[in-house]
Amino acid sequence: MIADLKPYAEYKGSGLPWLGEVPGHWEPKKLKHAFKRIVGGSTPASGNPRYWNGDVTWVTPADVSRSKRLRRSIRQITRAGLLSCSTELVPKGSIVLT
């Protein structure tokens, strides 16, 4: 797939030494300026069985690394698990980074 990509017509310095040049029409910016909302969170206590095997999708790095489009997760949490930590639900179609 990547072998099919052609180089852009022109490039410019990104202004970021670690990034180098980017396509001329790109505008490098911090993620916090590229999205309307960034959500973080924490994990429910792993040792508490009341928090696990529920009906709330729990996305992990393992889920993200195994597919381009996430359709289901390996694990689920309960409503109690969701309320026990600082994690938040995000709408279907959200971009997930880990």
PDB file of N, CA and C in Angstrom:
ATOM      1  N   MET A   1       0.815  -1.188   0.000  1.00  0.00           N
ATOM      2  CA  MET A   1       0.000   0.000   0.000  1.00  0.00           C
ATOM      3  C   MET A   1       0.865   1.260   0.000  1.00  0.00           C
ATOM      4  N   ILE A   2       1.859   1.315   0.867  1.00  0.00           N
ATOM      5  CA  ILE A   2       2.708   2.500   0.930  1.00  0.00           C
ATOM      6  C   ILE A   2       3.556   2.663  -0.336  1.00  0.00           C
ATOM      7  N   ALA A   3       3.857   1.553  -1.003  1.00  0.00           N
ATOM      8  CA  ALA A   3       4.641   1.598  -2.231  1.00  0.00           C
ATOM      9  C   ALA A   3       3.883   2.312  -3.344  1.00  0.00           C
ATOM     10  N   ASP A   4       2.559   2.373  -3.252  1.00  0.00           N
ATOM     11  CA  ASP A   4       1.730   3.032  -4.265  1.00  0.00           C
ATOM     12  C   ASP A   4       1.674   4.546  -4.093  1.00  0.00           C
ATOM     13  N   LEU A   5       2.161   5.055  -2.963  1.00  0.00           N
ATOM     14  CA  LEU A   5       2.094   6.489  -2.701  1.00  0.00           C
ATOM     15  C   LEU A   5       3.168   7.234  -3.481  1.00  0.00           C
ATOM     16  N   LYS A   6       2.780   8.352  -4.065  1.00  0.00           N
ATOM     17  CA  LYS A   6       3.723   9.184  -4.813  1.00  0.00           C
ATOM     18  C   LYS A   6       4.144  10.362  -3.942  1.00  0.00           C
ATOM     19  N   PRO A   7       5.373  10.884  -4.150  1.00  0.00           N
ATOM     20  CA  PRO A   7       5.808  12.038  -3.352  1.00  0.00           C
ATOM     21  C   PRO A   7       4.976  13.283  -3.696  1.00  0.00           C
ATOM     22  N   TYR A   8       4.862  14.177  -2.737  1.00  0.00           N
ATOM     23  CA  TYR A   8       4.170  15.444  -2.982  1.00  0.00           C
ATOM     24  C   TYR A   8       5.025  16.331  -3.877  1.00  0.00           C
ATOM     25  N   ALA A   9       4.389  17.288  -4.532  1.00  0.00           N
ATOM     26  CA  ALA A   9       5.091  18.186  -5.465  1.00  0.00           C
ATOM     27  C   ALA A   9       6.127  19.052  -4.757  1.00  0.00           C
ATOM     28  N   GLU A  10       5.796  19.539  -3.581  1.00  0.00           N
ATOM     29  CA  GLU A  10       6.773  20.353  -2.850  1.00  0.00           C
ATOM     30  C   GLU A  10       6.696  20.109  -1.348  1.00  0.00           C
ATOM     31  N   TYR A  11       7.811  20.363  -0.693  1.00  0.00           N
ATOM     32  CA  TYR A  11       7.939  20.175   0.746  1.00  0.00           C
ATOM     33  C   TYR A  11       8.458  21.459   1.375  1.00  0.00           C
ATOM     34  N   LYS A  12       8.238  21.595   2.680  1.00  0.00           N
ATOM     35  CA  LYS A  12       8.744  22.747   3.437  1.00  0.00           C
ATOM     36  C   LYS A  12       9.197  22.269   4.806  1.00  0.00           C
ATOM     37  N   GLY A  13      10.012  23.079   5.455  1.00  0.00           N
ATOM     38  CA  GLY A  13      10.436  22.754   6.812  1.00  0.00           C
ATOM     39  C   GLY A  13       9.238  22.824   7.749  1.00  0.00           C
ATOM     40  N   SER A  14       9.168  21.903   8.680  1.00  0.00           N
ATOM     41  CA  SER A  14       8.045  21.863   9.613  1.00  0.00           C
ATOM     42  C   SER A  14       8.210  22.853  10.757  1.00  0.00           C
ATOM     43  N   GLY A  15       9.460  23.301  10.987  1.00  0.00           N
ATOM     44  CA  GLY A  15       9.740  24.137  12.149  1.00  0.00           C
ATOM     45  C   GLY A  15       9.995  23.302  13.394  1.00  0.00           C
ATOM     46  N   LEU A  16       9.964  21.974  13.225  1.00  0.00           N
ATOM     47  CA  LEU A  16      10.199  21.057  14.334  1.00  0.00           C
ATOM     48  C   LEU A  16      11.375  20.164  13.973  1.00  0.00           C
ATOM     49  N   PRO A  17      12.505  20.318  14.652  1.00  0.00           N
ATOM     50  CA  PRO A  17      13.704  19.563  14.287  1.00  0.00           C
ATOM     51  C   PRO A  17      13.489  18.051  14.211  1.00  0.00           C
ATOM     52  N   TRP A  18      12.682  17.489  15.088  1.00  0.00           N
ATOM     53  CA  TRP A  18      12.474  16.046  15.112  1.00  0.00           C
ATOM     54  C   TRP A  18      11.598  15.561  13.950  1.00  0.00           C
ATOM     55  N   LEU A  19      10.849  16.473  13.317  1.00  0.00           N
ATOM     56  CA  LEU A  19       9.938  16.089  12.251  1.00  0.00           C
ATOM     57  C   LEU A  19      10.539  16.286  10.862  1.00  0.00           C
ATOM     58  N   GLY A  20      11.330  17.322  10.705  1.00  0.00           N
ATOM     59  CA  GLY A  20      11.927  17.582   9.392  1.00  0.00           C
ATOM     60  C   GLY A  20      10.937  18.214   8.429  1.00  0.00           C
ATOM     61  N   GLU A  21      11.039  17.854   7.144  1.00  0.00           N
ATOM     62  CA  GLU A  21      10.173  18.449   6.124  1.00  0.00           C
ATOM     63  C   GLU A  21       8.829  17.734   6.034  1.00  0.00           C
ATOM     64  N   VAL A  22       7.825  18.526   5.660  1.00  0.00           N
ATOM     65  CA  VAL A  22       6.465  18.004   5.471  1.00  0.00           C
ATOM     66  C   VAL A  22       5.956  18.505   4.116  1.00  0.00           C
ATOM     67  N   PRO A  23       4.917  17.878   3.576  1.00  0.00           N
ATOM     68  CA  PRO A  23       4.350  18.380   2.323  1.00  0.00           C
ATOM     69  C   PRO A  23       4.006  19.863   2.437  1.00  0.00           C
ATOM     70  N   GLY A  24       4.213  20.593   1.352  1.00  0.00           N
ATOM     71  CA  GLY A  24       4.054  22.049   1.351  1.00  0.00           C
ATOM     72  C   GLY A  24       2.700  22.554   1.802  1.00  0.00           C
ATOM     73  N   HIS A  25       1.647  21.800   1.595  1.00  0.00           N
ATOM     74  CA  HIS A  25       0.307  22.266   1.970  1.00  0.00           C
ATOM     75  C   HIS A  25      -0.093  21.876   3.398  1.00  0.00           C
ATOM     76  N   TRP A  26       0.767  21.163   4.115  1.00  0.00           N
ATOM     77  CA  TRP A  26       0.464  20.781   5.485  1.00  0.00           C
ATOM     78  C   TRP A  26       0.730  21.930   6.440  1.00  0.00           C
ATOM     79  N   GLU A  27      -0.014  21.961   7.536  1.00  0.00           N
ATOM     80  CA  GLU A  27       0.217  22.925   8.602  1.00  0.00           C
ATOM     81  C   GLU A  27       0.437  22.153   9.895  1.00  0.00           C
ATOM     82  N   PRO A  28       1.699  21.890  10.267  1.00  0.00           N
ATOM     83  CA  PRO A  28       1.951  21.139  11.505  1.00  0.00           C
ATOM     84  C   PRO A  28       1.368  21.878  12.708  1.00  0.00           C
ATOM     85  N   LYS A  29       0.697  21.118  13.576  1.00  0.00           N
ATOM     86  CA  LYS A  29       0.137  21.698  14.798  1.00  0.00           C
ATOM     87  C   LYS A  29       0.054  20.627  15.874  1.00  0.00           C
ATOM     88  N   LYS A  30      -0.036  21.052  17.097  1.00  0.00           N
ATOM     89  CA  LYS A  30      -0.173  20.126  18.215  1.00  0.00           C
ATOM     90  C   LYS A  30      -1.542  19.468  18.151  1.00  0.00           C
ATOM     91  N   LEU A  31      -1.613  18.202  18.594  1.00  0.00           N
ATOM     92  CA  LEU A  31      -2.890  17.483  18.591  1.00  0.00           C
ATOM     93  C   LEU A  31      -3.979  18.267  19.321  1.00  0.00           C
ATOM     94  N   LYS A  32      -3.618  18.906  20.414  1.00  0.00           N
ATOM     95  CA  LYS A  32      -4.630  19.627  21.182  1.00  0.00           C
ATOM     96  C   LYS A  32      -5.266  20.762  20.385  1.00  0.00           C
ATOM     97  N   HIS A  33      -4.608  21.192  19.300  1.00  0.00           N
ATOM     98  CA  HIS A  33      -5.169  22.241  18.444  1.00  0.00           C
ATOM     99  C   HIS A  33      -5.859  21.664  17.213  1.00  0.00           C
ATOM    100  N   ALA A  34      -5.719  20.364  16.988  1.00  0.00           N
ATOM    101  CA  ALA A  34      -6.298  19.733  15.804  1.00  0.00           C
ATOM    102  C   ALA A  34      -7.668  19.116  16.073  1.00  0.00           C
ATOM    103  N   PHE A  35      -8.005  18.892  17.337  1.00  0.00           N
ATOM    104  CA  PHE A  35      -9.255  18.238  17.691  1.00  0.00           C
ATOM    105  C   PHE A  35     -10.094  19.113  18.594  1.00  0.00           C
ATOM    106  N   LYS A  36     -11.401  18.951  18.530  1.00  0.00           N
ATOM    107  CA  LYS A  36     -12.307  19.709  19.384  1.00  0.00           C
ATOM    108  C   LYS A  36     -12.197  19.270  20.834  1.00  0.00           C
ATOM    109  N   ARG A  37     -11.941  17.984  21.029  1.00  0.00           N
ATOM    110  CA  ARG A  37     -11.929  17.438  22.385  1.00  0.00           C
ATOM    111  C   ARG A  37     -10.933  16.298  22.477  1.00  0.00           C
ATOM    112  N   ILE A  38     -10.139  16.276  23.525  1.00  0.00           N
ATOM    113  CA  ILE A  38      -9.218  15.171  23.788  1.00  0.00           C
ATOM    114  C   ILE A  38      -9.585  14.597  25.150  1.00  0.00           C
ATOM    115  N   VAL A  39      -9.819  13.289  25.166  1.00  0.00           N
ATOM    116  CA  VAL A  39     -10.276  12.618  26.375  1.00  0.00           C
ATOM    117  C   VAL A  39      -9.204  11.663  26.863  1.00  0.00           C
ATOM    118  N   GLY A  40      -8.925  11.679  28.116  1.00  0.00           N
ATOM    119  CA  GLY A  40      -8.015  10.729  28.737  1.00  0.00           C
ATOM    120  C   GLY A  40      -8.772  10.000  29.827  1.00  0.00           C
ATOM    121  N   GLY A  41      -8.107   9.167  30.535  1.00  0.00           N
ATOM    122  CA  GLY A  41      -8.800   8.469  31.611  1.00  0.00           C
ATOM    123  C   GLY A  41      -7.895   7.493  32.314  1.00  0.00           C
ATOM    124  N   SER A  42      -8.499   6.705  33.164  1.00  0.00           N
ATOM    125  CA  SER A  42      -7.762   5.691  33.896  1.00  0.00           C
ATOM    126  C   SER A  42      -8.518   4.373  33.804  1.00  0.00           C
ATOM    127  N   THR A  43      -7.892   3.317  34.294  1.00  0.00           N
ATOM    128  CA  THR A  43      -8.447   1.968  34.216  1.00  0.00           C
ATOM    129  C   THR A  43      -9.130   1.591  35.520  1.00  0.00           C
ATOM    130  N   PRO A  44     -10.305   0.956  35.434  1.00  0.00           N
ATOM    131  CA  PRO A  44     -10.918   0.450  36.665  1.00  0.00           C
ATOM    132  C   PRO A  44      -9.989  -0.574  37.331  1.00  0.00           C
ATOM    133  N   ALA A  45     -10.101  -0.720  38.623  1.00  0.00           N
ATOM    134  CA  ALA A  45      -9.252  -1.664  39.354  1.00  0.00           C
ATOM    135  C   ALA A  45      -9.385  -3.070  38.771  1.00  0.00           C
ATOM    136  N   SER A  46      -8.260  -3.611  38.303  1.00  0.00           N
ATOM    137  CA  SER A  46      -8.259  -4.932  37.661  1.00  0.00           C
ATOM    138  C   SER A  46      -8.681  -6.047  38.601  1.00  0.00           C
ATOM    139  N   GLY A  47      -8.418  -5.893  39.877  1.00  0.00           N
ATOM    140  CA  GLY A  47      -8.724  -6.938  40.850  1.00  0.00           C
ATOM    141  C   GLY A  47     -10.169  -6.955  41.322  1.00  0.00           C
ATOM    142  N   ASN A  48     -10.983  -6.007  40.864  1.00  0.00           N
ATOM    143  CA  ASN A  48     -12.370  -5.953  41.314  1.00  0.00           C
ATOM    144  C   ASN A  48     -13.283  -6.552  40.241  1.00  0.00           C
ATOM    145  N   PRO A  49     -13.797  -7.763  40.447  1.00  0.00           N
ATOM    146  CA  PRO A  49     -14.621  -8.425  39.433  1.00  0.00           C
ATOM    147  C   PRO A  49     -15.921  -7.682  39.118  1.00  0.00           C
ATOM    148  N   ARG A  50     -16.378  -6.808  40.012  1.00  0.00           N
ATOM    149  CA  ARG A  50     -17.592  -6.007  39.746  1.00  0.00           C
ATOM    150  C   ARG A  50     -17.399  -5.036  38.589  1.00  0.00           C
ATOM    151  N   TYR A  51     -16.154  -4.729  38.261  1.00  0.00           N
ATOM    152  CA  TYR A  51     -15.867  -3.740  37.230  1.00  0.00           C
ATOM    153  C   TYR A  51     -15.670  -4.339  35.831  1.00  0.00           C
ATOM    154  N   TRP A  52     -15.619  -5.639  35.711  1.00  0.00           N
ATOM    155  CA  TRP A  52     -15.239  -6.266  34.445  1.00  0.00           C
ATOM    156  C   TRP A  52     -16.298  -7.222  33.904  1.00  0.00           C
ATOM    157  N   ASN A  53     -16.207  -7.480  32.595  1.00  0.00           N
ATOM    158  CA  ASN A  53     -17.124  -8.376  31.870  1.00  0.00           C
ATOM    159  C   ASN A  53     -18.545  -7.838  31.834  1.00  0.00           C
ATOM    160  N   GLY A  54     -18.661  -6.533  31.635  1.00  0.00           N
ATOM    161  CA  GLY A  54     -19.972  -5.890  31.525  1.00  0.00           C
ATOM    162  C   GLY A  54     -20.338  -5.622  30.078  1.00  0.00           C
ATOM    163  N   ASP A  55     -21.097  -4.559  29.851  1.00  0.00           N
ATOM    164  CA  ASP A  55     -21.556  -4.235  28.504  1.00  0.00           C
ATOM    165  C   ASP A  55     -20.980  -2.926  27.954  1.00  0.00           C
ATOM    166  N   VAL A  56     -19.979  -2.366  28.632  1.00  0.00           N
ATOM    167  CA  VAL A  56     -19.333  -1.126  28.175  1.00  0.00           C
ATOM    168  C   VAL A  56     -18.011  -1.488  27.488  1.00  0.00           C
ATOM    169  N   THR A  57     -17.854  -1.080  26.244  1.00  0.00           N
ATOM    170  CA  THR A  57     -16.645  -1.377  25.486  1.00  0.00           C
ATOM    171  C   THR A  57     -15.439  -0.710  26.138  1.00  0.00           C
ATOM    172  N   TRP A  58     -14.369  -1.468  26.315  1.00  0.00           N
ATOM    173  CA  TRP A  58     -13.130  -0.985  26.927  1.00  0.00           C
ATOM    174  C   TRP A  58     -12.012  -1.169  25.916  1.00  0.00           C
ATOM    175  N   VAL A  59     -11.557  -0.077  25.325  1.00  0.00           N
ATOM    176  CA  VAL A  59     -10.531  -0.143  24.284  1.00  0.00           C
ATOM    177  C   VAL A  59      -9.145  -0.079  24.911  1.00  0.00           C
ATOM    178  N   THR A  60      -8.275  -1.009  24.511  1.00  0.00           N
ATOM    179  CA  THR A  60      -6.906  -1.079  25.025  1.00  0.00           C
ATOM    180  C   THR A  60      -5.915  -0.914  23.875  1.00  0.00           C
ATOM    181  N   PRO A  61      -4.632  -0.697  24.169  1.00  0.00           N
ATOM    182  CA  PRO A  61      -3.635  -0.649  23.103  1.00  0.00           C
ATOM    183  C   PRO A  61      -3.643  -1.910  22.230  1.00  0.00           C
ATOM    184  N   ALA A  62      -3.923  -3.055  22.822  1.00  0.00           N
ATOM    185  CA  ALA A  62      -3.982  -4.297  22.044  1.00  0.00           C
ATOM    186  C   ALA A  62      -5.097  -4.236  21.004  1.00  0.00           C
ATOM    187  N   ASP A  63      -6.230  -3.642  21.336  1.00  0.00           N
ATOM    188  CA  ASP A  63      -7.333  -3.495  20.387  1.00  0.00           C
ATOM    189  C   ASP A  63      -6.936  -2.592  19.226  1.00  0.00           C
ATOM    190  N   VAL A  64      -6.299  -1.472  19.555  1.00  0.00           N
ATOM    191  CA  VAL A  64      -5.927  -0.481  18.538  1.00  0.00           C
ATOM    192  C   VAL A  64      -4.874  -1.036  17.586  1.00  0.00           C
ATOM    193  N   SER A  65      -3.940  -1.818  18.090  1.00  0.00           N
ATOM    194  CA  SER A  65      -2.854  -2.318  17.250  1.00  0.00           C
ATOM    195  C   SER A  65      -3.261  -3.475  16.350  1.00  0.00           C
ATOM    196  N   ARG A  66      -4.419  -4.089  16.587  1.00  0.00           N
ATOM    197  CA  ARG A  66      -4.776  -5.261  15.790  1.00  0.00           C
ATOM    198  C   ARG A  66      -5.666  -4.953  14.586  1.00  0.00           C
ATOM    199  N   SER A  67      -6.124  -3.712  14.419  1.00  0.00           N
ATOM    200  CA  SER A  67      -6.960  -3.409  13.264  1.00  0.00           C
ATOM    201  C   SER A  67      -6.920  -1.922  12.916  1.00  0.00           C
ATOM    202  N   LYS A  68      -7.224  -1.616  11.662  1.00  0.00           N
ATOM    203  CA  LYS A  68      -7.277  -0.221  11.216  1.00  0.00           C
ATOM    204  C   LYS A  68      -8.573   0.437  11.654  1.00  0.00           C
ATOM    205  N   ARG A  69      -9.653  -0.327  11.661  1.00  0.00           N
ATOM    206  CA  ARG A  69     -10.955   0.189  12.075  1.00  0.00           C
ATOM    207  C   ARG A  69     -11.475  -0.692  13.200  1.00  0.00           C
ATOM    208  N   LEU A  70     -11.590  -0.118  14.351  1.00  0.00           N
ATOM    209  CA  LEU A  70     -11.964  -0.863  15.552  1.00  0.00           C
ATOM    210  C   LEU A  70     -13.463  -1.149  15.546  1.00  0.00           C
ATOM    211  N   ARG A  71     -13.813  -2.412  15.535  1.00  0.00           N
ATOM    212  CA  ARG A  71     -15.222  -2.803  15.527  1.00  0.00           C
ATOM    213  C   ARG A  71     -15.672  -3.380  16.868  1.00  0.00           C
ATOM    214  N   ARG A  72     -14.765  -3.985  17.603  1.00  0.00           N
ATOM    215  CA  ARG A  72     -15.076  -4.515  18.937  1.00  0.00           C
ATOM    216  C   ARG A  72     -13.790  -4.556  19.750  1.00  0.00           C
ATOM    217  N   SER A  73     -13.941  -4.687  21.036  1.00  0.00           N
ATOM    218  CA  SER A  73     -12.773  -4.724  21.907  1.00  0.00           C
ATOM    219  C   SER A  73     -12.628  -6.106  22.537  1.00  0.00           C
ATOM    220  N   ILE A  74     -11.436  -6.358  23.045  1.00  0.00           N
ATOM    221  CA  ILE A  74     -11.158  -7.629  23.708  1.00  0.00           C
ATOM    222  C   ILE A  74     -11.880  -7.699  25.054  1.00  0.00           C
ATOM    223  N   ARG A  75     -11.935  -6.567  25.751  1.00  0.00           N
ATOM    224  CA  ARG A  75     -12.519  -6.546  27.101  1.00  0.00           C
ATOM    225  C   ARG A  75     -13.678  -5.560  27.187  1.00  0.00           C
ATOM    226  N   GLN A  76     -14.533  -5.775  28.161  1.00  0.00           N
ATOM    227  CA  GLN A  76     -15.629  -4.870  28.464  1.00  0.00           C
ATOM    228  C   GLN A  76     -15.626  -4.602  29.965  1.00  0.00           C
ATOM    229  N   ILE A  77     -16.153  -3.433  30.334  1.00  0.00           N
ATOM    230  CA  ILE A  77     -16.294  -3.111  31.750  1.00  0.00           C
ATOM    231  C   ILE A  77     -17.783  -2.938  32.070  1.00  0.00           C
ATOM    232  N   THR A  78     -18.086  -2.882  33.342  1.00  0.00           N
ATOM    233  CA  THR A  78     -19.458  -2.660  33.796  1.00  0.00           C
ATOM    234  C   THR A  78     -19.679  -1.162  33.999  1.00  0.00           C
ATOM    235  N   ARG A  79     -20.929  -0.769  34.197  1.00  0.00           N
ATOM    236  CA  ARG A  79     -21.236   0.636  34.532  1.00  0.00           C
ATOM    237  C   ARG A  79     -20.516   1.026  35.826  1.00  0.00           C
ATOM    238  N   ALA A  80     -20.468   0.106  36.775  1.00  0.00           N
ATOM    239  CA  ALA A  80     -19.763   0.379  38.041  1.00  0.00           C
ATOM    240  C   ALA A  80     -18.289   0.627  37.768  1.00  0.00           C
ATOM    241  N   GLY A  81     -17.699  -0.138  36.865  1.00  0.00           N
ATOM    242  CA  GLY A  81     -16.301   0.065  36.491  1.00  0.00           C
ATOM    243  C   GLY A  81     -16.087   1.423  35.851  1.00  0.00           C
ATOM    244  N   LEU A  82     -17.003   1.822  34.984  1.00  0.00           N
ATOM    245  CA  LEU A  82     -16.921   3.129  34.325  1.00  0.00           C
ATOM    246  C   LEU A  82     -16.971   4.256  35.358  1.00  0.00           C
ATOM    247  N   LEU A  83     -17.868   4.129  36.314  1.00  0.00           N
ATOM    248  CA  LEU A  83     -18.032   5.175  37.333  1.00  0.00           C
ATOM    249  C   LEU A  83     -16.911   5.178  38.368  1.00  0.00           C
ATOM    250  N   SER A  84     -16.137   4.096  38.437  1.00  0.00           N
ATOM    251  CA  SER A  84     -15.102   3.984  39.464  1.00  0.00           C
ATOM    252  C   SER A  84     -13.806   4.702  39.109  1.00  0.00           C
ATOM    253  N   CYS A  85     -13.676   5.148  37.878  1.00  0.00           N
ATOM    254  CA  CYS A  85     -12.411   5.758  37.450  1.00  0.00           C
ATOM    255  C   CYS A  85     -12.684   7.017  36.626  1.00  0.00           C
ATOM    256  N   SER A  86     -11.634   7.640  36.147  1.00  0.00           N
ATOM    257  CA  SER A  86     -11.789   8.915  35.437  1.00  0.00           C
ATOM    258  C   SER A  86     -11.946   8.766  33.928  1.00  0.00           C
ATOM    259  N   THR A  87     -12.245   7.573  33.451  1.00  0.00           N
ATOM    260  CA  THR A  87     -12.426   7.382  32.022  1.00  0.00           C
ATOM    261  C   THR A  87     -13.777   7.945  31.571  1.00  0.00           C
ATOM    262  N   GLU A  88     -13.916   8.172  30.254  1.00  0.00           N
ATOM    263  CA  GLU A  88     -15.164   8.707  29.707  1.00  0.00           C
ATOM    264  C   GLU A  88     -15.577   7.912  28.482  1.00  0.00           C
ATOM    265  N   LEU A  89     -16.870   7.881  28.230  1.00  0.00           N
ATOM    266  CA  LEU A  89     -17.361   7.283  26.993  1.00  0.00           C
ATOM    267  C   LEU A  89     -17.148   8.278  25.859  1.00  0.00           C
ATOM    268  N   VAL A  90     -16.815   7.775  24.679  1.00  0.00           N
ATOM    269  CA  VAL A  90     -16.689   8.636  23.503  1.00  0.00           C
ATOM    270  C   VAL A  90     -17.655   8.130  22.439  1.00  0.00           C
ATOM    271  N   PRO A  91     -18.126   9.019  21.556  1.00  0.00           N
ATOM    272  CA  PRO A  91     -19.091   8.602  20.543  1.00  0.00           C
ATOM    273  C   PRO A  91     -18.509   7.640  19.520  1.00  0.00           C
ATOM    274  N   LYS A  92     -19.354   6.805  18.949  1.00  0.00           N
ATOM    275  CA  LYS A  92     -18.971   5.937  17.849  1.00  0.00           C
ATOM    276  C   LYS A  92     -18.367   6.821  16.751  1.00  0.00           C
ATOM    277  N   GLY A  93     -17.300   6.344  16.126  1.00  0.00           N
ATOM    278  CA  GLY A  93     -16.633   7.117  15.075  1.00  0.00           C
ATOM    279  C   GLY A  93     -15.501   8.000  15.583  1.00  0.00           C
ATOM    280  N   SER A  94     -15.252   7.991  16.892  1.00  0.00           N
ATOM    281  CA  SER A  94     -14.165   8.792  17.460  1.00  0.00           C
ATOM    282  C   SER A  94     -12.809   8.237  17.022  1.00  0.00           C
ATOM    283  N   ILE A  95     -11.809   9.089  16.999  1.00  0.00           N
ATOM    284  CA  ILE A  95     -10.433   8.664  16.718  1.00  0.00           C
ATOM    285  C   ILE A  95      -9.797   8.254  18.037  1.00  0.00           C
ATOM    286  N   VAL A  96      -9.228   7.050  18.057  1.00  0.00           N
ATOM    287  CA  VAL A  96      -8.614   6.533  19.281  1.00  0.00           C
ATOM    288  C   VAL A  96      -7.103   6.427  19.064  1.00  0.00           C
ATOM    289  N   LEU A  97      -6.334   7.103  19.905  1.00  0.00           N
ATOM    290  CA  LEU A  97      -4.873   7.032  19.881  1.00  0.00           C
ATOM    291  C   LEU A  97      -4.412   6.429  21.187  1.00  0.00           C
ATOM    292  N   THR A  98      -3.370   5.647  21.114  1.00  0.00           N
ATOM    293  CA  THR A  98      -2.820   5.080  22.340  1.00  0.00           C
ATOM    294  C   THR A  98      -1.324   4.991  22.241  1.00  0.00           C
TER     295      THR A  98
END
